[in-house]
Structures are given as structure tokens and as C-alpha cells.
Amino acid sequence: MKKAITFLMVIIALAALCGCGISKTTPKEISVAVLGEVIDRDTSGGIPAEIKIYIYTDRGLCPCFTSTDAEGRFRLNIHTFNDAEMLRFIAESEGYQPQTIDVEEINDTLSLIFRLERL
């Protein structure tokens, strides 16, 4: 019994030294519903585009990608954790200047409109 208690105390001490905080809470999984549209800045017409999404968390960076339909609309659910600090969306379409939208206040739903300018 003494050996088990000593072993447990050593494990706790090592965890504290290596930064593995036992008292830290485990991040909770969340889902963010995103509706978006990519339009031509001058004509307001929808344009097909590729959307890059970067999720910034305490644990690192997680990229994902999606595409719009022919009218420039997209919909997706992002599954991440409640320690996400920022979502970065980048819309790119051939012949247009890319546009970035950073979202720092993450809610369970987002609505985005990209207005791309022709090169």
C-alpha cells in the first residue's frame, strides 16, 4: 500500500513538472454552423470559390477546407473545442483578390459574406 501511494505521489509530481496539469479541464467539443456567401464586390453576383478555414486553439492550428456552389454559397459545420481562440476564413476565386475574415468571438452559428474584388 505504501508503495502504491509513493508511486502515485511520484506520478503527480512528474505531471506537475512536465506541465501536464492534472487540474486542467479537458476541452469540451463544440459545433459551429457556418452559412456563407462569396460575391463579386462590384456586381454583387455570387461567384464560386474555395474557402480555407483555420482553427486556432491552445493545442495548435487545425486547417479545413470547403467550396461554394455555383452561386457562391456554402454551408458547413465546424467541429472543434471550446478552447478555440479564433477561426480564420479565407475565400479565394480565380481572377479575384482573396479576402480573409477573422472570427474571435465564436458562437454556435456564424453568417459570413465575402466581397471579392477583381484583380
C-alpha atoms as a PDB file:
ATOM      1  CA  MET A   1       0.000   0.000   0.000  1.00  0.00           C
ATOM      2  CA  LYS A   2       2.853   2.382   0.857  1.00  0.00           C
ATOM      3  CA  LYS A   3       4.475   1.637  -2.499  1.00  0.00           C
ATOM      4  CA  ALA A   4       1.252   2.460  -4.343  1.00  0.00           C
ATOM      5  CA  ILE A   5       0.886   5.796  -2.529  1.00  0.00           C
ATOM      6  CA  THR A   6       4.546   6.664  -3.137  1.00  0.00           C
ATOM      7  CA  PHE A   7       4.196   5.728  -6.813  1.00  0.00           C
ATOM      8  CA  LEU A   8       1.077   7.914  -7.141  1.00  0.00           C
ATOM      9  CA  MET A   9       2.840  10.862  -5.500  1.00  0.00           C
ATOM     10  CA  VAL A  10       5.809  10.500  -7.891  1.00  0.00           C
ATOM     11  CA  ILE A  11       3.454  10.443 -10.902  1.00  0.00           C
ATOM     12  CA  ILE A  12       1.658  13.579  -9.681  1.00  0.00           C
ATOM     13  CA  ALA A  13       4.983  15.366  -9.104  1.00  0.00           C
ATOM     14  CA  LEU A  14       6.245  14.409 -12.576  1.00  0.00           C
ATOM     15  CA  ALA A  15       2.995  15.547 -14.181  1.00  0.00           C
ATOM     16  CA  ALA A  16       3.305  18.914 -12.442  1.00  0.00           C
ATOM     17  CA  LEU A  17       6.944  19.314 -13.532  1.00  0.00           C
ATOM     18  CA  CYS A  18       6.290  18.495 -17.213  1.00  0.00           C
ATOM     19  CA  GLY A  19       3.351  20.866 -17.461  1.00  0.00           C
ATOM     20  CA  CYS A  20       0.706  18.162 -17.601  1.00  0.00           C
ATOM     21  CA  GLY A  21      -1.634  19.949 -15.240  1.00  0.00           C
ATOM     22  CA  ILE A  22      -3.916  17.306 -13.819  1.00  0.00           C
ATOM     23  CA  SER A  23      -6.246  20.022 -12.559  1.00  0.00           C
ATOM     24  CA  LYS A  24      -6.758  21.490 -16.058  1.00  0.00           C
ATOM     25  CA  THR A  25     -10.157  20.827 -17.539  1.00  0.00           C
ATOM     26  CA  THR A  26     -10.472  18.841 -20.729  1.00  0.00           C
ATOM     27  CA  PRO A  27     -11.700  20.975 -23.645  1.00  0.00           C
ATOM     28  CA  LYS A  28     -15.366  20.413 -24.479  1.00  0.00           C
ATOM     29  CA  GLU A  29     -16.319  19.603 -28.067  1.00  0.00           C
ATOM     30  CA  ILE A  30     -18.485  22.206 -29.785  1.00  0.00           C
ATOM     31  CA  SER A  31     -20.077  22.561 -33.207  1.00  0.00           C
ATOM     32  CA  VAL A  32     -20.267  25.817 -35.163  1.00  0.00           C
ATOM     33  CA  ALA A  33     -22.801  26.066 -38.011  1.00  0.00           C
ATOM     34  CA  VAL A  34     -21.487  28.370 -40.742  1.00  0.00           C
ATOM     35  CA  LEU A  35     -23.534  29.866 -43.580  1.00  0.00           C
ATOM     36  CA  GLY A  36     -21.658  31.950 -46.095  1.00  0.00           C
ATOM     37  CA  GLU A  37     -21.688  33.619 -49.454  1.00  0.00           C
ATOM     38  CA  VAL A  38     -18.960  34.840 -51.797  1.00  0.00           C
ATOM     39  CA  ILE A  39     -19.957  37.703 -54.077  1.00  0.00           C
ATOM     40  CA  ASP A  40     -18.355  39.990 -56.642  1.00  0.00           C
ATOM     41  CA  ARG A  41     -17.720  43.326 -54.926  1.00  0.00           C
ATOM     42  CA  ASP A  42     -18.861  45.368 -57.940  1.00  0.00           C
ATOM     43  CA  THR A  43     -21.834  43.365 -59.232  1.00  0.00           C
ATOM     44  CA  SER A  44     -22.975  41.636 -56.007  1.00  0.00           C
ATOM     45  CA  GLY A  45     -23.349  38.442 -58.043  1.00  0.00           C
ATOM     46  CA  GLY A  46     -22.384  35.146 -56.436  1.00  0.00           C
ATOM     47  CA  ILE A  47     -19.097  33.554 -57.534  1.00  0.00           C
ATOM     48  CA  PRO A  48     -17.752  30.041 -56.938  1.00  0.00           C
ATOM     49  CA  ALA A  49     -14.785  29.981 -54.572  1.00  0.00           C
ATOM     50  CA  GLU A  50     -12.620  27.828 -52.349  1.00  0.00           C
ATOM     51  CA  ILE A  51     -12.828  28.521 -48.604  1.00  0.00           C
ATOM     52  CA  LYS A  52      -9.891  27.766 -46.309  1.00  0.00           C
ATOM     53  CA  ILE A  53     -10.673  27.595 -42.599  1.00  0.00           C
ATOM     54  CA  TYR A  54      -8.016  27.709 -39.884  1.00  0.00           C
ATOM     55  CA  ILE A  55      -8.982  26.921 -36.288  1.00  0.00           C
ATOM     56  CA  TYR A  56      -6.571  28.367 -33.726  1.00  0.00           C
ATOM     57  CA  THR A  57      -6.577  26.603 -30.335  1.00  0.00           C
ATOM     58  CA  ASP A  58      -4.306  26.305 -27.306  1.00  0.00           C
ATOM     59  CA  ARG A  59      -3.209  22.970 -28.744  1.00  0.00           C
ATOM     60  CA  GLY A  60      -2.246  24.265 -32.200  1.00  0.00           C
ATOM     61  CA  LEU A  61      -3.640  25.046 -35.618  1.00  0.00           C
ATOM     62  CA  CYS A  62      -6.223  22.909 -37.406  1.00  0.00           C
ATOM     63  CA  PRO A  63      -6.959  23.574 -41.100  1.00  0.00           C
ATOM     64  CA  CYS A  64     -10.025  22.520 -43.087  1.00  0.00           C
ATOM     65  CA  PHE A  65     -11.460  23.392 -46.498  1.00  0.00           C
ATOM     66  CA  THR A  66     -14.755  23.688 -48.354  1.00  0.00           C
ATOM     67  CA  SER A  67     -16.087  25.017 -51.666  1.00  0.00           C
ATOM     68  CA  THR A  68     -19.057  27.138 -52.611  1.00  0.00           C
ATOM     69  CA  ASP A  69     -21.768  26.119 -55.037  1.00  0.00           C
ATOM     70  CA  ALA A  70     -22.021  27.795 -58.478  1.00  0.00           C
ATOM     71  CA  GLU A  71     -23.857  30.762 -56.901  1.00  0.00           C
ATOM     72  CA  GLY A  72     -21.145  31.355 -54.295  1.00  0.00           C
ATOM     73  CA  ARG A  73     -22.996  29.890 -51.296  1.00  0.00           C
ATOM     74  CA  PHE A  74     -21.546  27.489 -48.750  1.00  0.00           C
ATOM     75  CA  ARG A  75     -22.655  25.775 -45.573  1.00  0.00           C
ATOM     76  CA  LEU A  76     -20.644  23.687 -43.150  1.00  0.00           C
ATOM     77  CA  ASN A  77     -20.421  22.544 -39.552  1.00  0.00           C
ATOM     78  CA  ILE A  78     -17.079  23.041 -37.854  1.00  0.00           C
ATOM     79  CA  HIS A  79     -16.373  20.592 -35.048  1.00  0.00           C
ATOM     80  CA  THR A  80     -13.810  21.956 -32.639  1.00  0.00           C
ATOM     81  CA  PHE A  81     -13.332  22.510 -28.916  1.00  0.00           C
ATOM     82  CA  ASN A  82     -14.273  25.364 -26.606  1.00  0.00           C
ATOM     83  CA  ASP A  83     -10.610  26.356 -26.313  1.00  0.00           C
ATOM     84  CA  ALA A  84     -10.680  27.666 -29.908  1.00  0.00           C
ATOM     85  CA  GLU A  85      -9.310  31.210 -29.821  1.00  0.00           C
ATOM     86  CA  MET A  86     -10.056  32.230 -33.399  1.00  0.00           C
ATOM     87  CA  LEU A  87     -11.478  30.989 -36.687  1.00  0.00           C
ATOM     88  CA  ARG A  88      -9.856  32.388 -39.854  1.00  0.00           C
ATOM     89  CA  PHE A  89     -11.760  32.083 -43.145  1.00  0.00           C
ATOM     90  CA  ILE A  90     -10.055  32.829 -46.478  1.00  0.00           C
ATOM     91  CA  ALA A  91     -12.109  32.970 -49.693  1.00  0.00           C
ATOM     92  CA  GLU A  92     -10.218  32.518 -52.970  1.00  0.00           C
ATOM     93  CA  SER A  93     -11.501  32.553 -56.538  1.00  0.00           C
ATOM     94  CA  GLU A  94      -9.551  32.752 -59.789  1.00  0.00           C
ATOM     95  CA  GLY A  95      -9.314  36.325 -61.045  1.00  0.00           C
ATOM     96  CA  TYR A  96     -10.140  37.842 -57.629  1.00  0.00           C
ATOM     97  CA  GLN A  97      -8.160  39.188 -54.690  1.00  0.00           C
ATOM     98  CA  PRO A  98      -8.507  36.742 -51.725  1.00  0.00           C
ATOM     99  CA  GLN A  99     -10.353  38.010 -48.658  1.00  0.00           C
ATOM    100  CA  THR A 100      -9.811  36.983 -45.044  1.00  0.00           C
ATOM    101  CA  ILE A 101     -12.351  37.152 -42.223  1.00  0.00           C
ATOM    102  CA  ASP A 102     -11.169  36.506 -38.653  1.00  0.00           C
ATOM    103  CA  VAL A 103     -13.741  35.498 -36.046  1.00  0.00           C
ATOM    104  CA  GLU A 104     -12.543  35.857 -32.458  1.00  0.00           C
ATOM    105  CA  GLU A 105     -15.913  35.625 -30.714  1.00  0.00           C
ATOM    106  CA  ILE A 106     -17.008  32.093 -31.548  1.00  0.00           C
ATOM    107  CA  ASN A 107     -20.713  31.327 -31.288  1.00  0.00           C
ATOM    108  CA  ASP A 108     -22.641  28.234 -32.319  1.00  0.00           C
ATOM    109  CA  THR A 109     -23.736  29.925 -35.593  1.00  0.00           C
ATOM    110  CA  LEU A 110     -21.886  32.228 -37.977  1.00  0.00           C
ATOM    111  CA  SER A 111     -23.010  34.064 -41.092  1.00  0.00           C
ATOM    112  CA  LEU A 112     -20.282  35.346 -43.425  1.00  0.00           C
ATOM    113  CA  ILE A 113     -20.293  37.383 -46.632  1.00  0.00           C
ATOM    114  CA  PHE A 114     -17.106  37.704 -48.668  1.00  0.00           C
ATOM    115  CA  ARG A 115     -16.984  40.572 -51.176  1.00  0.00           C
ATOM    116  CA  LEU A 116     -14.146  39.783 -53.545  1.00  0.00           C
ATOM    117  CA  GLU A 117     -12.528  42.397 -55.741  1.00  0.00           C
ATOM    118  CA  ARG A 118     -11.384  41.585 -59.287  1.00  0.00           C
ATOM    119  CA  LEU A 119      -7.621  41.670 -59.906  1.00  0.00           C
END
